[in-house]
Amino acid sequence: MAKKGLYIGTGMGLVLFVLVGVLPGSFIGGYIGLKIAGSLFGAITAGAIIPRLIVACSMIAGVLMTAVVFVVGLGVLGWTAGFVAAAVKTGTVAIPEAHGVAEKI
């Protein structure tokens, strides 16, 4: 049941990332890239390629970090929900003092 929750959470995270996360991740990464390039090279000129590469790489990094947050975060939440649902369904609770021994509720 926990594995099914993981798959469902990861799928939901991927869909939400595509619908909600791509554009803001790109904007935030681009803004950070502009700040970095501006502090290194001053005002970005039309012909300079290095500042543009910095901005492009930071935009890609922003999108990738947004993907990690959405997909991994919702995957962990889905796994947790599946684990809790399986524990409730079977009626067992792991007790830390018993070193792995499960007790019936």
PDB file of N, CA and C in Angstrom:
ATOM      1  N   MET A   1       0.825  -1.185   0.000  1.00  0.00           N
ATOM      2  CA  MET A   1       0.000   0.000   0.000  1.00  0.00           C
ATOM      3  C   MET A   1       0.876   1.259   0.000  1.00  0.00           C
ATOM      4  N   ALA A   2       2.012   1.213   0.679  1.00  0.00           N
ATOM      5  CA  ALA A   2       2.904   2.370   0.713  1.00  0.00           C
ATOM      6  C   ALA A   2       3.493   2.637  -0.670  1.00  0.00           C
ATOM      7  N   LYS A   3       3.768   1.568  -1.419  1.00  0.00           N
ATOM      8  CA  LYS A   3       4.326   1.741  -2.765  1.00  0.00           C
ATOM      9  C   LYS A   3       3.290   2.370  -3.702  1.00  0.00           C
ATOM     10  N   LYS A   4       2.031   1.978  -3.563  1.00  0.00           N
ATOM     11  CA  LYS A   4       0.979   2.594  -4.374  1.00  0.00           C
ATOM     12  C   LYS A   4       0.838   4.074  -4.034  1.00  0.00           C
ATOM     13  N   GLY A   5       0.912   4.399  -2.754  1.00  0.00           N
ATOM     14  CA  GLY A   5       0.862   5.804  -2.340  1.00  0.00           C
ATOM     15  C   GLY A   5       2.026   6.599  -2.898  1.00  0.00           C
ATOM     16  N   LEU A   6       3.201   5.971  -2.934  1.00  0.00           N
ATOM     17  CA  LEU A   6       4.379   6.626  -3.504  1.00  0.00           C
ATOM     18  C   LEU A   6       4.158   6.930  -4.979  1.00  0.00           C
ATOM     19  N   TYR A   7       3.646   5.963  -5.727  1.00  0.00           N
ATOM     20  CA  TYR A   7       3.408   6.172  -7.154  1.00  0.00           C
ATOM     21  C   TYR A   7       2.346   7.242  -7.397  1.00  0.00           C
ATOM     22  N   ILE A   8       1.283   7.213  -6.609  1.00  0.00           N
ATOM     23  CA  ILE A   8       0.222   8.210  -6.769  1.00  0.00           C
ATOM     24  C   ILE A   8       0.743   9.599  -6.412  1.00  0.00           C
ATOM     25  N   GLY A   9       1.475   9.714  -5.310  1.00  0.00           N
ATOM     26  CA  GLY A   9       2.030  11.010  -4.911  1.00  0.00           C
ATOM     27  C   GLY A   9       3.027  11.551  -5.917  1.00  0.00           C
ATOM     28  N   THR A  10       3.861  10.686  -6.463  1.00  0.00           N
ATOM     29  CA  THR A  10       4.841  11.123  -7.459  1.00  0.00           C
ATOM     30  C   THR A  10       4.144  11.574  -8.737  1.00  0.00           C
ATOM     31  N   GLY A  11       3.116  10.845  -9.153  1.00  0.00           N
ATOM     32  CA  GLY A  11       2.350  11.242 -10.337  1.00  0.00           C
ATOM     33  C   GLY A  11       1.657  12.575 -10.142  1.00  0.00           C
ATOM     34  N   MET A  12       1.074  12.761  -8.972  1.00  0.00           N
ATOM     35  CA  MET A  12       0.430  14.042  -8.682  1.00  0.00           C
ATOM     36  C   MET A  12       1.453  15.170  -8.641  1.00  0.00           C
ATOM     37  N   GLY A  13       2.634  14.896  -8.083  1.00  0.00           N
ATOM     38  CA  GLY A  13       3.685  15.902  -8.037  1.00  0.00           C
ATOM     39  C   GLY A  13       4.159  16.289  -9.435  1.00  0.00           C
ATOM     40  N   LEU A  14       4.253  15.308 -10.323  1.00  0.00           N
ATOM     41  CA  LEU A  14       4.676  15.586 -11.690  1.00  0.00           C
ATOM     42  C   LEU A  14       3.641  16.440 -12.420  1.00  0.00           C
ATOM     43  N   VAL A  15       2.368  16.104 -12.244  1.00  0.00           N
ATOM     44  CA  VAL A  15       1.312  16.885 -12.887  1.00  0.00           C
ATOM     45  C   VAL A  15       1.275  18.306 -12.333  1.00  0.00           C
ATOM     46  N   LEU A  16       1.365  18.447 -11.010  1.00  0.00           N
ATOM     47  CA  LEU A  16       1.359  19.783 -10.421  1.00  0.00           C
ATOM     48  C   LEU A  16       2.588  20.587 -10.837  1.00  0.00           C
ATOM     49  N   PHE A  17       3.723  19.919 -10.972  1.00  0.00           N
ATOM     50  CA  PHE A  17       4.927  20.611 -11.429  1.00  0.00           C
ATOM     51  C   PHE A  17       4.722  21.176 -12.827  1.00  0.00           C
ATOM     52  N   VAL A  18       4.153  20.380 -13.717  1.00  0.00           N
ATOM     53  CA  VAL A  18       3.946  20.839 -15.085  1.00  0.00           C
ATOM     54  C   VAL A  18       2.932  21.981 -15.128  1.00  0.00           C
ATOM     55  N   LEU A  19       1.874  21.868 -14.327  1.00  0.00           N
ATOM     56  CA  LEU A  19       0.830  22.886 -14.358  1.00  0.00           C
ATOM     57  C   LEU A  19       1.199  24.163 -13.605  1.00  0.00           C
ATOM     58  N   VAL A  20       1.906  24.032 -12.484  1.00  0.00           N
ATOM     59  CA  VAL A  20       2.106  25.169 -11.596  1.00  0.00           C
ATOM     60  C   VAL A  20       3.573  25.559 -11.439  1.00  0.00           C
ATOM     61  N   GLY A  21       4.503  24.632 -11.539  1.00  0.00           N
ATOM     62  CA  GLY A  21       5.865  24.898 -11.115  1.00  0.00           C
ATOM     63  C   GLY A  21       6.852  25.336 -12.162  1.00  0.00           C
ATOM     64  N   VAL A  22       6.588  25.091 -13.429  1.00  0.00           N
ATOM     65  CA  VAL A  22       7.605  25.373 -14.448  1.00  0.00           C
ATOM     66  C   VAL A  22       7.851  26.875 -14.586  1.00  0.00           C
ATOM     67  N   LEU A  23       6.793  27.639 -14.740  1.00  0.00           N
ATOM     68  CA  LEU A  23       6.948  29.076 -14.973  1.00  0.00           C
ATOM     69  C   LEU A  23       7.544  29.815 -13.776  1.00  0.00           C
ATOM     70  N   PRO A  24       7.034  29.613 -12.544  1.00  0.00           N
ATOM     71  CA  PRO A  24       7.669  30.301 -11.410  1.00  0.00           C
ATOM     72  C   PRO A  24       9.120  29.871 -11.173  1.00  0.00           C
ATOM     73  N   GLY A  25       9.427  28.592 -11.397  1.00  0.00           N
ATOM     74  CA  GLY A  25      10.816  28.138 -11.251  1.00  0.00           C
ATOM     75  C   GLY A  25      11.734  28.821 -12.237  1.00  0.00           C
ATOM     76  N   SER A  26      11.248  29.003 -13.455  1.00  0.00           N
ATOM     77  CA  SER A  26      12.019  29.690 -14.474  1.00  0.00           C
ATOM     78  C   SER A  26      12.207  31.168 -14.123  1.00  0.00           C
ATOM     79  N   PHE A  27      11.144  31.801 -13.629  1.00  0.00           N
ATOM     80  CA  PHE A  27      11.247  33.216 -13.262  1.00  0.00           C
ATOM     81  C   PHE A  27      12.216  33.434 -12.101  1.00  0.00           C
ATOM     82  N   ILE A  28      12.094  32.621 -11.077  1.00  0.00           N
ATOM     83  CA  ILE A  28      12.956  32.788  -9.903  1.00  0.00           C
ATOM     84  C   ILE A  28      14.413  32.497 -10.264  1.00  0.00           C
ATOM     85  N   GLY A  29      14.637  31.427 -11.022  1.00  0.00           N
ATOM     86  CA  GLY A  29      15.996  31.122 -11.459  1.00  0.00           C
ATOM     87  C   GLY A  29      16.575  32.207 -12.347  1.00  0.00           C
ATOM     88  N   GLY A  30      15.769  32.774 -13.231  1.00  0.00           N
ATOM     89  CA  GLY A  30      16.231  33.855 -14.092  1.00  0.00           C
ATOM     90  C   GLY A  30      16.579  35.106 -13.307  1.00  0.00           C
ATOM     91  N   TYR A  31      15.769  35.411 -12.302  1.00  0.00           N
ATOM     92  CA  TYR A  31      16.045  36.588 -11.470  1.00  0.00           C
ATOM     93  C   TYR A  31      17.354  36.409 -10.709  1.00  0.00           C
ATOM     94  N   ILE A  32      17.548  35.221 -10.151  1.00  0.00           N
ATOM     95  CA  ILE A  32      18.803  34.950  -9.440  1.00  0.00           C
ATOM     96  C   ILE A  32      19.985  35.023 -10.404  1.00  0.00           C
ATOM     97  N   GLY A  33      19.815  34.486 -11.606  1.00  0.00           N
ATOM     98  CA  GLY A  33      20.872  34.554 -12.607  1.00  0.00           C
ATOM     99  C   GLY A  33      21.195  35.981 -13.025  1.00  0.00           C
ATOM    100  N   LEU A  34      20.163  36.812 -13.148  1.00  0.00           N
ATOM    101  CA  LEU A  34      20.413  38.217 -13.472  1.00  0.00           C
ATOM    102  C   LEU A  34      21.180  38.917 -12.361  1.00  0.00           C
ATOM    103  N   LYS A  35      20.846  38.608 -11.124  1.00  0.00           N
ATOM    104  CA  LYS A  35      21.565  39.207 -10.001  1.00  0.00           C
ATOM    105  C   LYS A  35      23.028  38.756  -9.977  1.00  0.00           C
ATOM    106  N   ILE A  36      23.258  37.460 -10.213  1.00  0.00           N
ATOM    107  CA  ILE A  36      24.635  36.945 -10.224  1.00  0.00           C
ATOM    108  C   ILE A  36      25.433  37.547 -11.373  1.00  0.00           C
ATOM    109  N   ALA A  37      24.849  37.530 -12.575  1.00  0.00           N
ATOM    110  CA  ALA A  37      25.551  38.076 -13.738  1.00  0.00           C
ATOM    111  C   ALA A  37      25.772  39.574 -13.590  1.00  0.00           C
ATOM    112  N   GLY A  38      24.806  40.273 -13.009  1.00  0.00           N
ATOM    113  CA  GLY A  38      24.967  41.709 -12.805  1.00  0.00           C
ATOM    114  C   GLY A  38      26.062  42.038 -11.813  1.00  0.00           C
ATOM    115  N   SER A  39      26.185  41.202 -10.777  1.00  0.00           N
ATOM    116  CA  SER A  39      27.240  41.468  -9.796  1.00  0.00           C
ATOM    117  C   SER A  39      28.620  41.091 -10.324  1.00  0.00           C
ATOM    118  N   LEU A  40      28.699  40.117 -11.214  1.00  0.00           N
ATOM    119  CA  LEU A  40      29.995  39.713 -11.765  1.00  0.00           C
ATOM    120  C   LEU A  40      30.452  40.600 -12.919  1.00  0.00           C
ATOM    121  N   PHE A  41      29.512  40.949 -13.812  1.00  0.00           N
ATOM    122  CA  PHE A  41      29.892  41.645 -15.045  1.00  0.00           C
ATOM    123  C   PHE A  41      29.342  43.062 -15.152  1.00  0.00           C
ATOM    124  N   GLY A  42      28.629  43.539 -14.172  1.00  0.00           N
ATOM    125  CA  GLY A  42      28.018  44.865 -14.278  1.00  0.00           C
ATOM    126  C   GLY A  42      26.741  44.775 -15.106  1.00  0.00           C
ATOM    127  N   ALA A  43      26.441  45.836 -15.828  1.00  0.00           N
ATOM    128  CA  ALA A  43      25.246  45.846 -16.678  1.00  0.00           C
ATOM    129  C   ALA A  43      25.423  44.842 -17.821  1.00  0.00           C
ATOM    130  N   ILE A  44      24.397  44.051 -18.058  1.00  0.00           N
ATOM    131  CA  ILE A  44      24.481  43.025 -19.104  1.00  0.00           C
ATOM    132  C   ILE A  44      24.351  43.710 -20.459  1.00  0.00           C
ATOM    133  N   THR A  45      25.380  43.556 -21.292  1.00  0.00           N
ATOM    134  CA  THR A  45      25.369  44.167 -22.611  1.00  0.00           C
ATOM    135  C   THR A  45      24.766  43.206 -23.623  1.00  0.00           C
ATOM    136  N   ALA A  46      24.452  43.717 -24.793  1.00  0.00           N
ATOM    137  CA  ALA A  46      23.764  42.923 -25.815  1.00  0.00           C
ATOM    138  C   ALA A  46      24.657  41.821 -26.384  1.00  0.00           C
ATOM    139  N   GLY A  47      25.960  42.027 -26.468  1.00  0.00           N
ATOM    140  CA  GLY A  47      26.813  41.058 -27.112  1.00  0.00           C
ATOM    141  C   GLY A  47      27.506  40.075 -26.186  1.00  0.00           C
ATOM    142  N   ALA A  48      27.328  40.215 -24.889  1.00  0.00           N
ATOM    143  CA  ALA A  48      28.058  39.365 -23.948  1.00  0.00           C
ATOM    144  C   ALA A  48      27.377  38.001 -23.838  1.00  0.00           C
ATOM    145  N   ILE A  49      28.150  36.949 -24.048  1.00  0.00           N
ATOM    146  CA  ILE A  49      27.586  35.595 -24.035  1.00  0.00           C
ATOM    147  C   ILE A  49      27.664  34.951 -22.651  1.00  0.00           C
ATOM    148  N   ILE A  50      28.698  35.254 -21.870  1.00  0.00           N
ATOM    149  CA  ILE A  50      28.870  34.632 -20.551  1.00  0.00           C
ATOM    150  C   ILE A  50      27.733  34.999 -19.590  1.00  0.00           C
ATOM    151  N   PRO A  51      27.336  36.275 -19.498  1.00  0.00           N
ATOM    152  CA  PRO A  51      26.195  36.574 -18.616  1.00  0.00           C
ATOM    153  C   PRO A  51      24.903  35.887 -19.047  1.00  0.00           C
ATOM    154  N   ARG A  52      24.705  35.764 -20.330  1.00  0.00           N
ATOM    155  CA  ARG A  52      23.509  35.067 -20.816  1.00  0.00           C
ATOM    156  C   ARG A  52      23.551  33.580 -20.465  1.00  0.00           C
ATOM    157  N   LEU A  53      24.731  32.989 -20.529  1.00  0.00           N
ATOM    158  CA  LEU A  53      24.857  31.582 -20.133  1.00  0.00           C
ATOM    159  C   LEU A  53      24.597  31.407 -18.638  1.00  0.00           C
ATOM    160  N   ILE A  54      25.046  32.361 -17.840  1.00  0.00           N
ATOM    161  CA  ILE A  54      24.793  32.296 -16.400  1.00  0.00           C
ATOM    162  C   ILE A  54      23.294  32.361 -16.126  1.00  0.00           C
ATOM    163  N   VAL A  55      22.602  33.271 -16.808  1.00  0.00           N
ATOM    164  CA  VAL A  55      21.158  33.402 -16.622  1.00  0.00           C
ATOM    165  C   VAL A  55      20.444  32.137 -17.093  1.00  0.00           C
ATOM    166  N   ALA A  56      20.843  31.590 -18.226  1.00  0.00           N
ATOM    167  CA  ALA A  56      20.203  30.378 -18.741  1.00  0.00           C
ATOM    168  C   ALA A  56      20.428  29.191 -17.804  1.00  0.00           C
ATOM    169  N   CYS A  57      21.644  29.039 -17.307  1.00  0.00           N
ATOM    170  CA  CYS A  57      21.921  27.925 -16.386  1.00  0.00           C
ATOM    171  C   CYS A  57      21.154  28.077 -15.084  1.00  0.00           C
ATOM    172  N   SER A  58      21.017  29.301 -14.598  1.00  0.00           N
ATOM    173  CA  SER A  58      20.265  29.486 -13.363  1.00  0.00           C
ATOM    174  C   SER A  58      18.772  29.270 -13.582  1.00  0.00           C
ATOM    175  N   MET A  59      18.256  29.580 -14.771  1.00  0.00           N
ATOM    176  CA  MET A  59      16.853  29.286 -15.076  1.00  0.00           C
ATOM    177  C   MET A  59      16.613  27.787 -15.101  1.00  0.00           C
ATOM    178  N   ILE A  60      17.537  27.048 -15.700  1.00  0.00           N
ATOM    179  CA  ILE A  60      17.422  25.585 -15.737  1.00  0.00           C
ATOM    180  C   ILE A  60      17.515  25.015 -14.325  1.00  0.00           C
ATOM    181  N   ALA A  61      18.422  25.557 -13.522  1.00  0.00           N
ATOM    182  CA  ALA A  61      18.546  25.097 -12.134  1.00  0.00           C
ATOM    183  C   ALA A  61      17.283  25.403 -11.338  1.00  0.00           C
ATOM    184  N   GLY A  62      16.669  26.551 -11.581  1.00  0.00           N
ATOM    185  CA  GLY A  62      15.428  26.894 -10.899  1.00  0.00           C
ATOM    186  C   GLY A  62      14.305  25.941 -11.252  1.00  0.00           C
ATOM    187  N   VAL A  63      14.195  25.582 -12.515  1.00  0.00           N
ATOM    188  CA  VAL A  63      13.158  24.629 -12.939  1.00  0.00           C
ATOM    189  C   VAL A  63      13.432  23.253 -12.352  1.00  0.00           C
ATOM    190  N   LEU A  64      14.691  22.823 -12.331  1.00  0.00           N
ATOM    191  CA  LEU A  64      15.017  21.507 -11.766  1.00  0.00           C
ATOM    192  C   LEU A  64      14.759  21.450 -10.266  1.00  0.00           C
ATOM    193  N   MET A  65      15.085  22.517  -9.554  1.00  0.00           N
ATOM    194  CA  MET A  65      14.825  22.533  -8.116  1.00  0.00           C
ATOM    195  C   MET A  65      13.328  22.532  -7.826  1.00  0.00           C
ATOM    196  N   THR A  66      12.545  23.225  -8.640  1.00  0.00           N
ATOM    197  CA  THR A  66      11.102  23.194  -8.484  1.00  0.00           C
ATOM    198  C   THR A  66      10.571  21.792  -8.738  1.00  0.00           C
ATOM    199  N   ALA A  67      11.116  21.119  -9.732  1.00  0.00           N
ATOM    200  CA  ALA A  67      10.698  19.740 -10.019  1.00  0.00           C
ATOM    201  C   ALA A  67      11.018  18.823  -8.848  1.00  0.00           C
ATOM    202  N   VAL A  68      12.183  18.982  -8.266  1.00  0.00           N
ATOM    203  CA  VAL A  68      12.566  18.150  -7.127  1.00  0.00           C
ATOM    204  C   VAL A  68      11.612  18.375  -5.958  1.00  0.00           C
ATOM    205  N   VAL A  69      11.288  19.632  -5.692  1.00  0.00           N
ATOM    206  CA  VAL A  69      10.398  19.932  -4.571  1.00  0.00           C
ATOM    207  C   VAL A  69       9.018  19.318  -4.801  1.00  0.00           C
ATOM    208  N   PHE A  70       8.452  19.495  -5.988  1.00  0.00           N
ATOM    209  CA  PHE A  70       7.117  18.974  -6.252  1.00  0.00           C
ATOM    210  C   PHE A  70       7.093  17.450  -6.287  1.00  0.00           C
ATOM    211  N   VAL A  71       7.955  16.847  -7.073  1.00  0.00           N
ATOM    212  CA  VAL A  71       7.890  15.400  -7.289  1.00  0.00           C
ATOM    213  C   VAL A  71       8.324  14.633  -6.041  1.00  0.00           C
ATOM    214  N   VAL A  72       9.445  14.993  -5.452  1.00  0.00           N
ATOM    215  CA  VAL A  72       9.923  14.274  -4.273  1.00  0.00           C
ATOM    216  C   VAL A  72       9.036  14.566  -3.064  1.00  0.00           C
ATOM    217  N   GLY A  73       8.653  15.826  -2.906  1.00  0.00           N
ATOM    218  CA  GLY A  73       7.812  16.184  -1.768  1.00  0.00           C
ATOM    219  C   GLY A  73       6.478  15.469  -1.774  1.00  0.00           C
ATOM    220  N   LEU A  74       5.786  15.484  -2.888  1.00  0.00           N
ATOM    221  CA  LEU A  74       4.501  14.797  -2.949  1.00  0.00           C
ATOM    222  C   LEU A  74       4.670  13.277  -2.972  1.00  0.00           C
ATOM    223  N   GLY A  75       5.792  12.785  -3.479  1.00  0.00           N
ATOM    224  CA  GLY A  75       6.065  11.348  -3.396  1.00  0.00           C
ATOM    225  C   GLY A  75       6.213  10.886  -1.959  1.00  0.00           C
ATOM    226  N   VAL A  76       6.931  11.670  -1.157  1.00  0.00           N
ATOM    227  CA  VAL A  76       7.097  11.332   0.265  1.00  0.00           C
ATOM    228  C   VAL A  76       5.761  11.417   0.996  1.00  0.00           C
ATOM    229  N   LEU A  77       4.966  12.440   0.680  1.00  0.00           N
ATOM    230  CA  LEU A  77       3.647  12.547   1.301  1.00  0.00           C
ATOM    231  C   LEU A  77       2.753  11.372   0.917  1.00  0.00           C
ATOM    232  N   GLY A  78       2.800  10.952  -0.344  1.00  0.00           N
ATOM    233  CA  GLY A  78       2.014   9.803  -0.782  1.00  0.00           C
ATOM    234  C   GLY A  78       2.469   8.515  -0.127  1.00  0.00           C
ATOM    235  N   TRP A  79       3.781   8.341   0.008  1.00  0.00           N
ATOM    236  CA  TRP A  79       4.296   7.138   0.680  1.00  0.00           C
ATOM    237  C   TRP A  79       3.860   7.115   2.131  1.00  0.00           C
ATOM    238  N   THR A  80       3.928   8.275   2.794  1.00  0.00           N
ATOM    239  CA  THR A  80       3.515   8.356   4.192  1.00  0.00           C
ATOM    240  C   THR A  80       2.035   8.037   4.345  1.00  0.00           C
ATOM    241  N   ALA A  81       1.209   8.578   3.454  1.00  0.00           N
ATOM    242  CA  ALA A  81      -0.222   8.295   3.514  1.00  0.00           C
ATOM    243  C   ALA A  81      -0.494   6.815   3.276  1.00  0.00           C
ATOM    244  N   GLY A  82       0.210   6.199   2.343  1.00  0.00           N
ATOM    245  CA  GLY A  82       0.044   4.773   2.096  1.00  0.00           C
ATOM    246  C   GLY A  82       0.509   3.928   3.263  1.00  0.00           C
ATOM    247  N   PHE A  83       1.595   4.326   3.897  1.00  0.00           N
ATOM    248  CA  PHE A  83       2.109   3.601   5.063  1.00  0.00           C
ATOM    249  C   PHE A  83       1.129   3.668   6.223  1.00  0.00           C
ATOM    250  N   VAL A  84       0.587   4.863   6.465  1.00  0.00           N
ATOM    251  CA  VAL A  84      -0.384   5.036   7.548  1.00  0.00           C
ATOM    252  C   VAL A  84      -1.663   4.253   7.239  1.00  0.00           C
ATOM    253  N   ALA A  85      -2.116   4.291   5.998  1.00  0.00           N
ATOM    254  CA  ALA A  85      -3.318   3.553   5.616  1.00  0.00           C
ATOM    255  C   ALA A  85      -3.108   2.052   5.782  1.00  0.00           C
ATOM    256  N   ALA A  86      -1.933   1.546   5.449  1.00  0.00           N
ATOM    257  CA  ALA A  86      -1.656   0.115   5.625  1.00  0.00           C
ATOM    258  C   ALA A  86      -1.596  -0.245   7.106  1.00  0.00           C
ATOM    259  N   ALA A  87      -1.043   0.643   7.930  1.00  0.00           N
ATOM    260  CA  ALA A  87      -0.977   0.376   9.368  1.00  0.00           C
ATOM    261  C   ALA A  87      -2.365   0.380   9.984  1.00  0.00           C
ATOM    262  N   VAL A  88      -3.218   1.288   9.533  1.00  0.00           N
ATOM    263  CA  VAL A  88      -4.586   1.337  10.046  1.00  0.00           C
ATOM    264  C   VAL A  88      -5.373   0.119   9.581  1.00  0.00           C
ATOM    265  N   LYS A  89      -5.156  -0.295   8.339  1.00  0.00           N
ATOM    266  CA  LYS A  89      -5.889  -1.436   7.780  1.00  0.00           C
ATOM    267  C   LYS A  89      -5.539  -2.734   8.499  1.00  0.00           C
ATOM    268  N   THR A  90      -4.264  -2.929   8.793  1.00  0.00           N
ATOM    269  CA  THR A  90      -3.858  -4.166   9.459  1.00  0.00           C
ATOM    270  C   THR A  90      -4.048  -4.086  10.964  1.00  0.00           C
ATOM    271  N   GLY A  91      -4.127  -2.888  11.506  1.00  0.00           N
ATOM    272  CA  GLY A  91      -4.341  -2.716  12.933  1.00  0.00           C
ATOM    273  C   GLY A  91      -3.097  -2.921  13.766  1.00  0.00           C
ATOM    274  N   THR A  92      -1.914  -2.767  13.180  1.00  0.00           N
ATOM    275  CA  THR A  92      -0.667  -2.931  13.936  1.00  0.00           C
ATOM    276  C   THR A  92       0.024  -1.587  14.074  1.00  0.00           C
ATOM    277  N   VAL A  93       0.692  -1.431  15.181  1.00  0.00           N
ATOM    278  CA  VAL A  93       1.473  -0.222  15.443  1.00  0.00           C
ATOM    279  C   VAL A  93       2.841  -0.670  15.934  1.00  0.00           C
ATOM    280  N   ALA A  94       3.886  -0.125  15.334  1.00  0.00           N
ATOM    281  CA  ALA A  94       5.235  -0.463  15.769  1.00  0.00           C
ATOM    282  C   ALA A  94       5.565   0.346  17.014  1.00  0.00           C
ATOM    283  N   ILE A  95       6.050  -0.329  18.043  1.00  0.00           N
ATOM    284  CA  ILE A  95       6.414   0.333  19.289  1.00  0.00           C
ATOM    285  C   ILE A  95       7.934   0.421  19.339  1.00  0.00           C
ATOM    286  N   PRO A  96       8.494   1.633  19.470  1.00  0.00           N
ATOM    287  CA  PRO A  96       9.954   1.766  19.447  1.00  0.00           C
ATOM    288  C   PRO A  96      10.648   1.044  20.600  1.00  0.00           C
ATOM    289  N   GLU A  97      10.015   0.953  21.784  1.00  0.00           N
ATOM    290  CA  GLU A  97      10.650   0.306  22.929  1.00  0.00           C
ATOM    291  C   GLU A  97      10.745  -1.207  22.747  1.00  0.00           C
ATOM    292  N   ALA A  98       9.889  -1.787  21.904  1.00  0.00           N
ATOM    293  CA  ALA A  98       9.864  -3.235  21.745  1.00  0.00           C
ATOM    294  C   ALA A  98      10.849  -3.708  20.656  1.00  0.00           C
ATOM    295  N   HIS A  99      11.597  -2.807  20.060  1.00  0.00           N
ATOM    296  CA  HIS A  99      12.611  -3.120  19.064  1.00  0.00           C
ATOM    297  C   HIS A  99      12.045  -3.903  17.890  1.00  0.00           C
ATOM    298  N   GLY A 100      11.046  -3.317  17.240  1.00  0.00           N
ATOM    299  CA  GLY A 100      10.526  -3.898  16.018  1.00  0.00           C
ATOM    300  C   GLY A 100       9.379  -4.866  16.226  1.00  0.00           C
ATOM    301  N   VAL A 101       8.931  -5.108  17.416  1.00  0.00           N
ATOM    302  CA  VAL A 101       7.808  -6.006  17.664  1.00  0.00           C
ATOM    303  C   VAL A 101       6.524  -5.200  17.498  1.00  0.00           C
ATOM    304  N   ALA A 102       5.587  -5.709  16.720  1.00  0.00           N
ATOM    305  CA  ALA A 102       4.319  -5.013  16.489  1.00  0.00           C
ATOM    306  C   ALA A 102       3.288  -5.523  17.486  1.00  0.00           C
ATOM    307  N   GLU A 103       2.432  -4.609  17.901  1.00  0.00           N
ATOM    308  CA  GLU A 103       1.405  -4.957  18.879  1.00  0.00           C
ATOM    309  C   GLU A 103       0.046  -4.703  18.280  1.00  0.00           C
ATOM    310  N   LYS A 104      -0.896  -5.640  18.494  1.00  0.00           N
ATOM    311  CA  LYS A 104      -2.262  -5.470  17.992  1.00  0.00           C
ATOM    312  C   LYS A 104      -2.971  -4.408  18.810  1.00  0.00           C
ATOM    313  N   ILE A 105      -3.755  -3.608  18.126  1.00  0.00           N
ATOM    314  CA  ILE A 105      -4.545  -2.581  18.818  1.00  0.00           C
ATOM    315  C   ILE A 105      -5.827  -3.204  19.329  1.00  0.00           C
TER     316      ILE A 105
END
